[in-house]
Structures are given as C-alpha cells and as structure tokens.
C-alpha cells in the first residue's frame, strides 16, 4: 500500500455502546494521530459508530453489506469485505491528503443529522402501533 502521508490505524470495537461513546473514541483516535476507522464487517452488528463518525467528519470506508449501505447511502467509500484489494483501495482513498475535504465528508455530516435516538423511538413506536 502506497501511503500519501504517515498512516496510523486503530480499531476498537468493544467498550463503546452509545453514539457519544463512539464520538469520544473518534475524537481520541484523531487526537492520537490515527488516520481513519474502517469496519470490514460481514454481518453489520456494529453500526452504532457509523452515524457518530459521519457527524464528526471522519472519512469512512465501510464494507458494502446492506446495513452499512442503508446507513451511509452515498457518503462513504464502500468495499467488498471479502476482497483484500478492494479494502486496500478504500484505505488508500480515506487516508489520502484530500480525504477530509472530500464531498463525501460534507455529505456524511448532512446525512448524520437524519439519525437520532428520538427519531428511532418515534419510528419504532409508529411501526408498533400502526
């Protein structure tokens, strides 16, 4: 992998259960110089950090599984989680010097505003009571 800048990568998937926890992890990772967070997930059971990272303006690379596609829409770089070359290409893109100013980042910030616990509760209640 050819890097445009020093690359530091860290993953921590446990211990963060809320959007605030994930946002705090993203801020700490940025403070410590990590370049990005990637989730080469096959099952989509760790979606909690995605909206928080979108709101924080973190360039995202997510596996192209249905749950990630539904959350990020067209605001992240999607890759086949079974294709190492696709993961490498996605990592190259999110760590490029212009990744933080990419139109994807500003679109992700806007899309993140659509997600809230209040909205989730309202939609769940509406689905339950019709």
C-alpha atoms as a PDB file:
ATOM      1  CA  UNK A   1       0.000   0.000   0.000  1.00  0.00           C
ATOM      2  CA  UNK A   2       1.494   3.304  -1.037  1.00  0.00           C
ATOM      3  CA  UNK A   3       0.708   5.996   1.508  1.00  0.00           C
ATOM      4  CA  UNK A   4       0.407   9.711   0.858  1.00  0.00           C
ATOM      5  CA  UNK A   5       1.100  10.520   4.496  1.00  0.00           C
ATOM      6  CA  UNK A   6       2.111   8.603   7.611  1.00  0.00           C
ATOM      7  CA  UNK A   7      -0.610   6.079   8.237  1.00  0.00           C
ATOM      8  CA  UNK A   8      -1.787   5.012  11.664  1.00  0.00           C
ATOM      9  CA  UNK A   9      -4.732   2.716  12.012  1.00  0.00           C
ATOM     10  CA  UNK A  10      -6.538   1.520  15.101  1.00  0.00           C
ATOM     11  CA  UNK A  11      -9.639  -0.493  15.749  1.00  0.00           C
ATOM     12  CA  UNK A  12     -11.529  -0.713  18.975  1.00  0.00           C
ATOM     13  CA  UNK A  13     -14.917  -2.333  18.655  1.00  0.00           C
ATOM     14  CA  UNK A  14     -15.695  -3.115  22.270  1.00  0.00           C
ATOM     15  CA  UNK A  15     -16.416  -0.824  25.168  1.00  0.00           C
ATOM     16  CA  UNK A  16     -18.345   1.760  23.151  1.00  0.00           C
ATOM     17  CA  UNK A  17     -22.077   1.251  23.268  1.00  0.00           C
ATOM     18  CA  UNK A  18     -23.574   4.672  22.612  1.00  0.00           C
ATOM     19  CA  UNK A  19     -23.207   7.310  19.930  1.00  0.00           C
ATOM     20  CA  UNK A  20     -21.444   9.533  22.477  1.00  0.00           C
ATOM     21  CA  UNK A  21     -19.003   6.716  23.304  1.00  0.00           C
ATOM     22  CA  UNK A  22     -18.165   6.257  19.627  1.00  0.00           C
ATOM     23  CA  UNK A  23     -17.806  10.001  19.065  1.00  0.00           C
ATOM     24  CA  UNK A  24     -15.426  10.096  22.046  1.00  0.00           C
ATOM     25  CA  UNK A  25     -13.410   7.217  20.553  1.00  0.00           C
ATOM     26  CA  UNK A  26     -13.233   9.056  17.229  1.00  0.00           C
ATOM     27  CA  UNK A  27     -12.000  12.237  18.935  1.00  0.00           C
ATOM     28  CA  UNK A  28      -9.393  10.318  20.951  1.00  0.00           C
ATOM     29  CA  UNK A  29      -8.241   8.432  17.841  1.00  0.00           C
ATOM     30  CA  UNK A  30      -7.862  11.731  15.989  1.00  0.00           C
ATOM     31  CA  UNK A  31      -6.001  13.246  18.957  1.00  0.00           C
ATOM     32  CA  UNK A  32      -3.570  10.307  18.917  1.00  0.00           C
ATOM     33  CA  UNK A  33      -2.976  10.721  15.190  1.00  0.00           C
ATOM     34  CA  UNK A  34      -4.959   7.805  13.798  1.00  0.00           C
ATOM     35  CA  UNK A  35      -5.879   8.328  10.179  1.00  0.00           C
ATOM     36  CA  UNK A  36      -9.199   6.558   9.942  1.00  0.00           C
ATOM     37  CA  UNK A  37     -11.540   3.902  11.224  1.00  0.00           C
ATOM     38  CA  UNK A  38     -12.596   1.079   8.981  1.00  0.00           C
ATOM     39  CA  UNK A  39     -15.138  -1.631   9.610  1.00  0.00           C
ATOM     40  CA  UNK A  40     -14.535  -4.658   7.377  1.00  0.00           C
ATOM     41  CA  UNK A  41     -17.701  -6.175   8.805  1.00  0.00           C
ATOM     42  CA  UNK A  42     -19.528  -9.116   7.255  1.00  0.00           C
ATOM     43  CA  UNK A  43     -22.607  -9.008   9.481  1.00  0.00           C
ATOM     44  CA  UNK A  44     -23.440  -5.375  10.301  1.00  0.00           C
ATOM     45  CA  UNK A  45     -23.803  -5.823  14.040  1.00  0.00           C
ATOM     46  CA  UNK A  46     -21.609  -2.811  14.870  1.00  0.00           C
ATOM     47  CA  UNK A  47     -23.468   0.072  13.199  1.00  0.00           C
ATOM     48  CA  UNK A  48     -23.502   2.392  16.233  1.00  0.00           C
ATOM     49  CA  UNK A  49     -20.268   4.240  15.373  1.00  0.00           C
ATOM     50  CA  UNK A  50     -21.135   4.984  11.782  1.00  0.00           C
ATOM     51  CA  UNK A  51     -23.505   7.974  12.264  1.00  0.00           C
ATOM     52  CA  UNK A  52     -21.258   9.398  15.005  1.00  0.00           C
ATOM     53  CA  UNK A  53     -18.215   9.209  12.742  1.00  0.00           C
ATOM     54  CA  UNK A  54     -20.212  10.689   9.860  1.00  0.00           C
ATOM     55  CA  UNK A  55     -21.196  13.617  12.109  1.00  0.00           C
ATOM     56  CA  UNK A  56     -17.593  14.042  13.231  1.00  0.00           C
ATOM     57  CA  UNK A  57     -16.395  14.430   9.640  1.00  0.00           C
ATOM     58  CA  UNK A  58     -14.277  11.276   9.600  1.00  0.00           C
ATOM     59  CA  UNK A  59     -13.656   9.870   6.105  1.00  0.00           C
ATOM     60  CA  UNK A  60     -15.321   6.444   6.118  1.00  0.00           C
ATOM     61  CA  UNK A  61     -14.645   3.163   4.402  1.00  0.00           C
ATOM     62  CA  UNK A  62     -17.326   0.572   5.140  1.00  0.00           C
ATOM     63  CA  UNK A  63     -17.965  -2.915   3.886  1.00  0.00           C
ATOM     64  CA  UNK A  64     -20.679  -2.952   1.252  1.00  0.00           C
ATOM     65  CA  UNK A  65     -23.095  -5.045   3.282  1.00  0.00           C
ATOM     66  CA  UNK A  66     -26.741  -3.936   3.301  1.00  0.00           C
ATOM     67  CA  UNK A  67     -26.799  -2.391   6.811  1.00  0.00           C
ATOM     68  CA  UNK A  68     -23.830  -0.128   6.007  1.00  0.00           C
ATOM     69  CA  UNK A  69     -25.270   0.852   2.615  1.00  0.00           C
ATOM     70  CA  UNK A  70     -28.551   1.807   4.260  1.00  0.00           C
ATOM     71  CA  UNK A  71     -26.859   4.000   6.861  1.00  0.00           C
ATOM     72  CA  UNK A  72     -24.181   5.723   4.779  1.00  0.00           C
ATOM     73  CA  UNK A  73     -26.023   5.949   1.475  1.00  0.00           C
ATOM     74  CA  UNK A  74     -23.538   7.520  -0.927  1.00  0.00           C
ATOM     75  CA  UNK A  75     -21.447   9.221   1.771  1.00  0.00           C
ATOM     76  CA  UNK A  76     -18.721   6.612   2.319  1.00  0.00           C
ATOM     77  CA  UNK A  77     -16.354   4.505   0.304  1.00  0.00           C
ATOM     78  CA  UNK A  78     -17.863   1.031   0.165  1.00  0.00           C
ATOM     79  CA  UNK A  79     -15.832  -2.122  -0.448  1.00  0.00           C
ATOM     80  CA  UNK A  80     -16.410  -5.865  -0.667  1.00  0.00           C
ATOM     81  CA  UNK A  81     -15.333  -7.217   2.749  1.00  0.00           C
ATOM     82  CA  UNK A  82     -14.072 -10.424   1.104  1.00  0.00           C
ATOM     83  CA  UNK A  83     -11.807  -8.588  -1.349  1.00  0.00           C
ATOM     84  CA  UNK A  84      -8.461  -7.562   0.147  1.00  0.00           C
ATOM     85  CA  UNK A  85      -7.632  -5.430  -2.888  1.00  0.00           C
ATOM     86  CA  UNK A  86     -10.893  -3.505  -2.509  1.00  0.00           C
ATOM     87  CA  UNK A  87     -10.157  -2.918   1.182  1.00  0.00           C
ATOM     88  CA  UNK A  88      -6.670  -1.682   0.334  1.00  0.00           C
ATOM     89  CA  UNK A  89      -8.022   0.691  -2.327  1.00  0.00           C
ATOM     90  CA  UNK A  90     -10.640   2.021   0.097  1.00  0.00           C
ATOM     91  CA  UNK A  91      -7.977   2.604   2.753  1.00  0.00           C
ATOM     92  CA  UNK A  92      -5.848   4.468   0.217  1.00  0.00           C
ATOM     93  CA  UNK A  93      -8.778   6.766  -0.537  1.00  0.00           C
ATOM     94  CA  UNK A  94      -9.746   7.543   3.069  1.00  0.00           C
ATOM     95  CA  UNK A  95      -6.143   8.302   4.009  1.00  0.00           C
ATOM     96  CA  UNK A  96      -5.327  10.477   1.022  1.00  0.00           C
ATOM     97  CA  UNK A  97      -4.418  14.104   1.780  1.00  0.00           C
ATOM     98  CA  UNK A  98      -7.708  15.380   0.362  1.00  0.00           C
ATOM     99  CA  UNK A  99      -9.982  12.811   2.056  1.00  0.00           C
ATOM    100  CA  UNK A 100     -11.006  15.137   4.898  1.00  0.00           C
ATOM    101  CA  UNK A 101     -12.191  17.776   2.434  1.00  0.00           C
ATOM    102  CA  UNK A 102     -13.943  15.291   0.159  1.00  0.00           C
ATOM    103  CA  UNK A 103     -17.562  15.968  -0.826  1.00  0.00           C
ATOM    104  CA  UNK A 104     -18.285  12.591   0.798  1.00  0.00           C
ATOM    105  CA  UNK A 105     -17.379  14.023   4.218  1.00  0.00           C
ATOM    106  CA  UNK A 106     -19.679  17.027   3.921  1.00  0.00           C
ATOM    107  CA  UNK A 107     -22.476  14.791   2.593  1.00  0.00           C
ATOM    108  CA  UNK A 108     -21.911  12.394   5.508  1.00  0.00           C
ATOM    109  CA  UNK A 109     -22.201  15.230   8.027  1.00  0.00           C
ATOM    110  CA  UNK A 110     -25.515  16.244   6.475  1.00  0.00           C
ATOM    111  CA  UNK A 111     -26.820  12.660   6.375  1.00  0.00           C
ATOM    112  CA  UNK A 112     -25.807  12.071  10.019  1.00  0.00           C
ATOM    113  CA  UNK A 113     -28.370  14.687  11.051  1.00  0.00           C
ATOM    114  CA  UNK A 114     -31.061  12.214   9.958  1.00  0.00           C
ATOM    115  CA  UNK A 115     -30.106   9.819  12.775  1.00  0.00           C
ATOM    116  CA  UNK A 116     -31.171  10.332  16.369  1.00  0.00           C
ATOM    117  CA  UNK A 117     -32.453   8.176  19.202  1.00  0.00           C
ATOM    118  CA  UNK A 118     -35.595  10.313  19.298  1.00  0.00           C
ATOM    119  CA  UNK A 119     -36.330   9.630  15.638  1.00  0.00           C
ATOM    120  CA  UNK A 120     -35.603   5.909  16.101  1.00  0.00           C
ATOM    121  CA  UNK A 121     -38.022   5.765  19.034  1.00  0.00           C
ATOM    122  CA  UNK A 122     -40.725   7.634  17.116  1.00  0.00           C
ATOM    123  CA  UNK A 123     -40.410   5.374  14.073  1.00  0.00           C
ATOM    124  CA  UNK A 124     -40.371   2.233  16.222  1.00  0.00           C
ATOM    125  CA  UNK A 125     -43.481   3.354  18.091  1.00  0.00           C
ATOM    126  CA  UNK A 126     -45.234   4.207  14.817  1.00  0.00           C
ATOM    127  CA  UNK A 127     -44.398   0.771  13.422  1.00  0.00           C
ATOM    128  CA  UNK A 128     -45.674  -0.959  16.563  1.00  0.00           C
ATOM    129  CA  UNK A 129     -48.970   0.876  16.866  1.00  0.00           C
ATOM    130  CA  UNK A 130     -49.527   1.489  13.193  1.00  0.00           C
END
